[in-house]
PDB file of N, CA and C in Angstrom:
ATOM      1  N   MET A   1     -11.846  26.609 -23.835  1.00  0.00           N
ATOM      2  CA  MET A   1     -12.872  25.833 -24.032  1.00  0.00           C
ATOM      3  C   MET A   1     -13.616  25.999 -25.169  1.00  0.00           C
ATOM      4  N   ASN A   2     -13.955  25.088 -25.929  1.00  0.00           N
ATOM      5  CA  ASN A   2     -15.116  25.550 -26.850  1.00  0.00           C
ATOM      6  C   ASN A   2     -16.612  25.646 -26.394  1.00  0.00           C
ATOM      7  N   GLU A   3     -17.252  25.835 -27.304  1.00  0.00           N
ATOM      8  CA  GLU A   3     -18.466  26.310 -27.121  1.00  0.00           C
ATOM      9  C   GLU A   3     -19.597  24.998 -26.639  1.00  0.00           C
ATOM     10  N   GLU A   4     -18.966  23.591 -26.872  1.00  0.00           N
ATOM     11  CA  GLU A   4     -19.513  22.682 -26.335  1.00  0.00           C
ATOM     12  C   GLU A   4     -19.413  22.337 -25.030  1.00  0.00           C
ATOM     13  N   PHE A   5     -18.037  22.408 -24.872  1.00  0.00           N
ATOM     14  CA  PHE A   5     -17.826  21.931 -23.515  1.00  0.00           C
ATOM     15  C   PHE A   5     -18.677  22.808 -22.447  1.00  0.00           C
ATOM     16  N   TYR A   6     -18.535  24.017 -22.730  1.00  0.00           N
ATOM     17  CA  TYR A   6     -18.964  25.011 -21.895  1.00  0.00           C
ATOM     18  C   TYR A   6     -20.339  24.879 -21.775  1.00  0.00           C
ATOM     19  N   ASN A   7     -21.307  24.285 -22.724  1.00  0.00           N
ATOM     20  CA  ASN A   7     -22.653  24.019 -22.993  1.00  0.00           C
ATOM     21  C   ASN A   7     -22.874  23.024 -21.499  1.00  0.00           C
ATOM     22  N   MET A   8     -21.967  22.255 -21.964  1.00  0.00           N
ATOM     23  CA  MET A   8     -21.958  20.732 -21.300  1.00  0.00           C
ATOM     24  C   MET A   8     -21.753  21.160 -20.059  1.00  0.00           C
ATOM     25  N   ALA A   9     -20.947  21.707 -19.387  1.00  0.00           N
ATOM     26  CA  ALA A   9     -20.684  22.167 -17.921  1.00  0.00           C
ATOM     27  C   ALA A   9     -21.689  23.043 -17.306  1.00  0.00           C
ATOM     28  N   MET A  10     -22.040  23.843 -18.291  1.00  0.00           N
ATOM     29  CA  MET A  10     -23.680  24.769 -17.559  1.00  0.00           C
ATOM     30  C   MET A  10     -24.325  23.737 -17.150  1.00  0.00           C
ATOM     31  N   ASP A  11     -25.064  22.766 -18.062  1.00  0.00           N
ATOM     32  CA  ASP A  11     -26.119  22.200 -18.030  1.00  0.00           C
ATOM     33  C   ASP A  11     -25.593  21.078 -16.863  1.00  0.00           C
ATOM     34  N   LEU A  12     -24.393  20.478 -16.078  1.00  0.00           N
ATOM     35  CA  LEU A  12     -24.300  19.749 -15.239  1.00  0.00           C
ATOM     36  C   LEU A  12     -24.431  20.315 -13.798  1.00  0.00           C
ATOM     37  N   SER A  13     -24.092  21.536 -13.969  1.00  0.00           N
ATOM     38  CA  SER A  13     -23.555  22.698 -12.923  1.00  0.00           C
ATOM     39  C   SER A  13     -25.217  22.777 -12.588  1.00  0.00           C
ATOM     40  N   THR A  14     -25.918  22.871 -13.512  1.00  0.00           N
ATOM     41  CA  THR A  14     -27.363  23.326 -13.472  1.00  0.00           C
ATOM     42  C   THR A  14     -28.247  22.298 -12.716  1.00  0.00           C
ATOM     43  N   ARG A  15     -27.903  21.007 -13.280  1.00  0.00           N
ATOM     44  CA  ARG A  15     -28.215  19.778 -12.761  1.00  0.00           C
ATOM     45  C   ARG A  15     -28.033  19.682 -11.174  1.00  0.00           C
ATOM     46  N   VAL A  16     -26.685  19.737 -11.129  1.00  0.00           N
ATOM     47  CA  VAL A  16     -26.031  19.704  -9.984  1.00  0.00           C
ATOM     48  C   VAL A  16     -26.875  20.555  -8.917  1.00  0.00           C
ATOM     49  N   GLY A  17     -26.873  21.740  -9.051  1.00  0.00           N
ATOM     50  CA  GLY A  17     -27.552  22.821  -8.487  1.00  0.00           C
ATOM     51  C   GLY A  17     -28.866  22.481  -7.993  1.00  0.00           C
ATOM     52  N   ARG A  18     -29.598  22.250  -8.659  1.00  0.00           N
ATOM     53  CA  ARG A  18     -31.151  21.416  -8.598  1.00  0.00           C
ATOM     54  C   ARG A  18     -31.000  20.308  -7.565  1.00  0.00           C
ATOM     55  N   LEU A  19     -30.288  19.339  -7.989  1.00  0.00           N
ATOM     56  CA  LEU A  19     -30.307  18.262  -6.875  1.00  0.00           C
ATOM     57  C   LEU A  19     -29.961  18.528  -5.663  1.00  0.00           C
ATOM     58  N   LEU A  20     -28.867  19.383  -5.392  1.00  0.00           N
ATOM     59  CA  LEU A  20     -28.587  19.911  -3.820  1.00  0.00           C
ATOM     60  C   LEU A  20     -29.762  20.719  -3.365  1.00  0.00           C
ATOM     61  N   GLY A  21     -30.883  21.505  -4.292  1.00  0.00           N
ATOM     62  CA  GLY A  21     -31.763  22.154  -3.544  1.00  0.00           C
ATOM     63  C   GLY A  21     -32.666  21.038  -3.335  1.00  0.00           C
ATOM     64  N   THR A  22     -32.952  20.115  -4.388  1.00  0.00           N
ATOM     65  CA  THR A  22     -33.870  18.841  -3.736  1.00  0.00           C
ATOM     66  C   THR A  22     -33.504  18.500  -2.168  1.00  0.00           C
ATOM     67  N   ILE A  23     -32.175  18.039  -2.454  1.00  0.00           N
ATOM     68  CA  ILE A  23     -31.619  17.373  -1.124  1.00  0.00           C
ATOM     69  C   ILE A  23     -31.614  18.710   0.368  1.00  0.00           C
ATOM     70  N   GLY A  24     -31.532  19.740  -0.331  1.00  0.00           N
ATOM     71  CA  GLY A  24     -31.827  21.072   0.948  1.00  0.00           C
ATOM     72  C   GLY A  24     -33.121  21.016   1.204  1.00  0.00           C
ATOM     73  N   ALA A  25     -34.095  21.098   0.643  1.00  0.00           N
ATOM     74  CA  ALA A  25     -35.739  21.063   0.902  1.00  0.00           C
ATOM     75  C   ALA A  25     -36.150  19.550   1.768  1.00  0.00           C
ATOM     76  N   ILE A  26     -35.545  18.547   1.300  1.00  0.00           N
ATOM     77  CA  ILE A  26     -35.477  17.489   2.066  1.00  0.00           C
ATOM     78  C   ILE A  26     -35.070  17.388   3.429  1.00  0.00           C
ATOM     79  N   VAL A  27     -33.866  17.880   3.930  1.00  0.00           N
ATOM     80  CA  VAL A  27     -33.453  17.861   5.279  1.00  0.00           C
ATOM     81  C   VAL A  27     -33.579  19.196   5.928  1.00  0.00           C
ATOM     82  N   LYS A  28     -33.923  20.272   5.394  1.00  0.00           N
ATOM     83  CA  LYS A  28     -34.277  21.270   6.235  1.00  0.00           C
ATOM     84  C   LYS A  28     -35.702  21.532   6.966  1.00  0.00           C
ATOM     85  N   TYR A  29     -36.455  20.833   6.387  1.00  0.00           N
ATOM     86  CA  TYR A  29     -37.629  20.710   6.849  1.00  0.00           C
ATOM     87  C   TYR A  29     -38.597  19.369   7.060  1.00  0.00           C
ATOM     88  N   ASP A  30     -39.222  19.784   8.038  1.00  0.00           N
ATOM     89  CA  ASP A  30     -39.906  18.277   8.501  1.00  0.00           C
ATOM     90  C   ASP A  30     -40.499  17.237   7.321  1.00  0.00           C
ATOM     91  N   ASN A  31     -39.704  16.317   6.949  1.00  0.00           N
ATOM     92  CA  ASN A  31     -40.103  15.204   6.197  1.00  0.00           C
ATOM     93  C   ASN A  31     -40.587  14.082   6.847  1.00  0.00           C
ATOM     94  N   PRO A  32     -41.687  13.495   7.078  1.00  0.00           N
ATOM     95  CA  PRO A  32     -41.426  12.513   7.724  1.00  0.00           C
ATOM     96  C   PRO A  32     -41.521  11.033   7.082  1.00  0.00           C
ATOM     97  N   GLY A  33     -41.633  11.370   6.042  1.00  0.00           N
ATOM     98  CA  GLY A  33     -41.650  10.350   5.038  1.00  0.00           C
ATOM     99  C   GLY A  33     -40.590   9.727   4.605  1.00  0.00           C
ATOM    100  N   VAL A  34     -39.276  10.381   5.359  1.00  0.00           N
ATOM    101  CA  VAL A  34     -37.881   9.833   4.930  1.00  0.00           C
ATOM    102  C   VAL A  34     -37.211   9.471   5.947  1.00  0.00           C
ATOM    103  N   ASP A  35     -37.126   7.911   6.387  1.00  0.00           N
ATOM    104  CA  ASP A  35     -36.383   7.368   7.523  1.00  0.00           C
ATOM    105  C   ASP A  35     -35.288   7.968   7.425  1.00  0.00           C
ATOM    106  N   ASN A  36     -34.708   7.668   9.328  1.00  0.00           N
ATOM    107  CA  ASN A  36     -33.639   8.254   9.627  1.00  0.00           C
ATOM    108  C   ASN A  36     -32.042   8.083   9.041  1.00  0.00           C
ATOM    109  N   PHE A  37     -32.432   6.673   8.447  1.00  0.00           N
ATOM    110  CA  PHE A  37     -30.885   6.400   8.057  1.00  0.00           C
ATOM    111  C   PHE A  37     -30.589   7.762   6.600  1.00  0.00           C
ATOM    112  N   THR A  38     -31.710   7.187   5.796  1.00  0.00           N
ATOM    113  CA  THR A  38     -31.639   8.025   4.563  1.00  0.00           C
ATOM    114  C   THR A  38     -31.616   9.454   4.659  1.00  0.00           C
ATOM    115  N   PHE A  39     -32.341  10.347   6.027  1.00  0.00           N
ATOM    116  CA  PHE A  39     -31.966  11.436   6.554  1.00  0.00           C
ATOM    117  C   PHE A  39     -30.778  11.930   6.575  1.00  0.00           C
ATOM    118  N   GLY A  40     -30.019  11.133   7.463  1.00  0.00           N
ATOM    119  CA  GLY A  40     -28.321  11.225   7.756  1.00  0.00           C
ATOM    120  C   GLY A  40     -27.878  11.111   6.526  1.00  0.00           C
ATOM    121  N   GLN A  41     -27.687  10.087   5.816  1.00  0.00           N
ATOM    122  CA  GLN A  41     -26.662  10.494   4.610  1.00  0.00           C
ATOM    123  C   GLN A  41     -27.227  11.479   3.841  1.00  0.00           C
ATOM    124  N   LEU A  42     -28.408  11.839   3.532  1.00  0.00           N
ATOM    125  CA  LEU A  42     -28.611  13.147   2.874  1.00  0.00           C
ATOM    126  C   LEU A  42     -28.192  14.064   3.501  1.00  0.00           C
ATOM    127  N   ALA A  43     -28.184  14.358   4.876  1.00  0.00           N
ATOM    128  CA  ALA A  43     -27.887  15.366   5.251  1.00  0.00           C
ATOM    129  C   ALA A  43     -26.597  15.753   5.581  1.00  0.00           C
ATOM    130  N   LYS A  44     -25.892  14.417   5.888  1.00  0.00           N
ATOM    131  CA  LYS A  44     -24.074  14.765   5.813  1.00  0.00           C
ATOM    132  C   LYS A  44     -23.515  15.383   4.638  1.00  0.00           C
ATOM    133  N   THR A  45     -24.288  14.870   3.214  1.00  0.00           N
ATOM    134  CA  THR A  45     -23.818  15.083   1.929  1.00  0.00           C
ATOM    135  C   THR A  45     -24.125  16.813   1.836  1.00  0.00           C
ATOM    136  N   TYR A  46     -25.581  17.050   2.397  1.00  0.00           N
ATOM    137  CA  TYR A  46     -25.677  18.555   1.889  1.00  0.00           C
ATOM    138  C   TYR A  46     -24.906  19.370   2.822  1.00  0.00           C
ATOM    139  N   ILE A  47     -24.798  18.929   4.122  1.00  0.00           N
ATOM    140  CA  ILE A  47     -23.694  20.269   4.864  1.00  0.00           C
ATOM    141  C   ILE A  47     -22.381  19.971   4.177  1.00  0.00           C
ATOM    142  N   GLU A  48     -21.917  18.937   3.740  1.00  0.00           N
ATOM    143  CA  GLU A  48     -20.493  19.155   3.170  1.00  0.00           C
ATOM    144  C   GLU A  48     -20.262  19.818   1.842  1.00  0.00           C
ATOM    145  N   CYS A  49     -21.699  20.057   1.474  1.00  0.00           N
ATOM    146  CA  CYS A  49     -21.869  20.926  -0.064  1.00  0.00           C
ATOM    147  C   CYS A  49     -22.303  22.395   0.146  1.00  0.00           C
ATOM    148  N   THR A  50     -22.874  22.824   1.122  1.00  0.00           N
ATOM    149  CA  THR A  50     -23.333  23.895   1.664  1.00  0.00           C
ATOM    150  C   THR A  50     -22.420  25.079   2.461  1.00  0.00           C
ATOM    151  N   THR A  51     -22.429  26.057   2.091  1.00  0.00           N
ATOM    152  CA  THR A  51     -21.597  27.011   2.760  1.00  0.00           C
ATOM    153  C   THR A  51     -22.480  27.878   3.715  1.00  0.00           C
ATOM    154  N   ASP A  52     -23.770  27.701   3.624  1.00  0.00           N
ATOM    155  CA  ASP A  52     -24.687  28.898   4.272  1.00  0.00           C
ATOM    156  C   ASP A  52     -25.278  28.499   5.745  1.00  0.00           C
ATOM    157  N   GLN A  53     -24.706  29.054   6.822  1.00  0.00           N
ATOM    158  CA  GLN A  53     -24.660  28.625   7.900  1.00  0.00           C
ATOM    159  C   GLN A  53     -26.183  28.418   8.302  1.00  0.00           C
ATOM    160  N   ASN A  54     -26.727  29.548   7.712  1.00  0.00           N
ATOM    161  CA  ASN A  54     -28.398  29.087   8.418  1.00  0.00           C
ATOM    162  C   ASN A  54     -28.723  28.061   8.010  1.00  0.00           C
ATOM    163  N   ASP A  55     -28.407  27.463   6.414  1.00  0.00           N
ATOM    164  CA  ASP A  55     -28.939  26.147   5.929  1.00  0.00           C
ATOM    165  C   ASP A  55     -28.329  25.059   6.940  1.00  0.00           C
ATOM    166  N   ILE A  56     -27.024  25.024   7.337  1.00  0.00           N
ATOM    167  CA  ILE A  56     -26.329  23.946   8.232  1.00  0.00           C
ATOM    168  C   ILE A  56     -27.264  24.114   9.210  1.00  0.00           C
ATOM    169  N   ASP A  57     -27.623  25.314  10.121  1.00  0.00           N
ATOM    170  CA  ASP A  57     -28.606  25.075  11.303  1.00  0.00           C
ATOM    171  C   ASP A  57     -29.711  24.632  11.136  1.00  0.00           C
ATOM    172  N   ALA A  58     -30.326  24.655  10.064  1.00  0.00           N
ATOM    173  CA  ALA A  58     -31.769  24.271   9.859  1.00  0.00           C
ATOM    174  C   ALA A  58     -31.763  22.664   9.648  1.00  0.00           C
ATOM    175  N   VAL A  59     -30.518  22.006   9.046  1.00  0.00           N
ATOM    176  CA  VAL A  59     -30.349  20.671   8.979  1.00  0.00           C
ATOM    177  C   VAL A  59     -30.261  19.957  10.317  1.00  0.00           C
ATOM    178  N   MET A  60     -29.386  20.810  11.395  1.00  0.00           N
ATOM    179  CA  MET A  60     -28.896  20.235  12.461  1.00  0.00           C
ATOM    180  C   MET A  60     -30.180  20.577  13.218  1.00  0.00           C
ATOM    181  N   VAL A  61     -31.084  21.346  13.267  1.00  0.00           N
ATOM    182  CA  VAL A  61     -32.283  21.761  14.121  1.00  0.00           C
ATOM    183  C   VAL A  61     -33.278  20.128  13.732  1.00  0.00           C
ATOM    184  N   GLN A  62     -33.246  19.588  12.441  1.00  0.00           N
ATOM    185  CA  GLN A  62     -34.309  18.426  11.694  1.00  0.00           C
ATOM    186  C   GLN A  62     -33.232  17.052  12.361  1.00  0.00           C
ATOM    187  N   ALA A  63     -32.069  17.221  12.856  1.00  0.00           N
ATOM    188  CA  ALA A  63     -31.631  16.245  13.052  1.00  0.00           C
ATOM    189  C   ALA A  63     -31.827  16.055  14.594  1.00  0.00           C
ATOM    190  N   ASN A  64     -31.778  16.855  15.272  1.00  0.00           N
ATOM    191  CA  ASN A  64     -31.662  16.741  16.559  1.00  0.00           C
ATOM    192  C   ASN A  64     -33.368  16.581  16.840  1.00  0.00           C
ATOM    193  N   LYS A  65     -34.300  16.978  16.135  1.00  0.00           N
ATOM    194  CA  LYS A  65     -35.586  16.644  16.525  1.00  0.00           C
ATOM    195  C   LYS A  65     -35.560  15.074  15.966  1.00  0.00           C
ATOM    196  N   ARG A  66     -35.047  14.489  14.926  1.00  0.00           N
ATOM    197  CA  ARG A  66     -35.162  12.908  14.801  1.00  0.00           C
ATOM    198  C   ARG A  66     -34.207  12.419  15.720  1.00  0.00           C
ATOM    199  N   GLY A  67     -33.252  12.763  16.375  1.00  0.00           N
ATOM    200  CA  GLY A  67     -32.170  12.272  17.279  1.00  0.00           C
ATOM    201  C   GLY A  67     -31.149  11.352  16.583  1.00  0.00           C
ATOM    202  N   VAL A  68     -30.889  11.945  15.441  1.00  0.00           N
ATOM    203  CA  VAL A  68     -29.886  11.697  14.221  1.00  0.00           C
ATOM    204  C   VAL A  68     -28.728  12.497  14.819  1.00  0.00           C
ATOM    205  N   THR A  69     -27.409  11.238  14.835  1.00  0.00           N
ATOM    206  CA  THR A  69     -25.935  11.959  15.010  1.00  0.00           C
ATOM    207  C   THR A  69     -25.490  12.235  13.559  1.00  0.00           C
ATOM    208  N   LEU A  70     -24.896  13.570  13.291  1.00  0.00           N
ATOM    209  CA  LEU A  70     -24.513  13.428  11.882  1.00  0.00           C
ATOM    210  C   LEU A  70     -22.796  13.813  11.894  1.00  0.00           C
ATOM    211  N   SER A  71     -22.050  13.468  13.049  1.00  0.00           N
ATOM    212  CA  SER A  71     -20.555  13.355  13.076  1.00  0.00           C
ATOM    213  C   SER A  71     -20.496  12.154  13.092  1.00  0.00           C
TER     214      SER A  71
END
């Protein structure tokens, strides 16, 4: 792998990490500005991409509060 590809890969992985962090903040905490459909789509995506059980539990708590089924 040359340096250009390495730098591109690092940049893209940083962007993905920031995006997942933003999605996590939206779905793990009370965010009444997000409708239930959007919440459900973001939450499903976030749960598929994280391995932290505490984060998954926080998303499930918010889903239960909203009455959204994530299965």
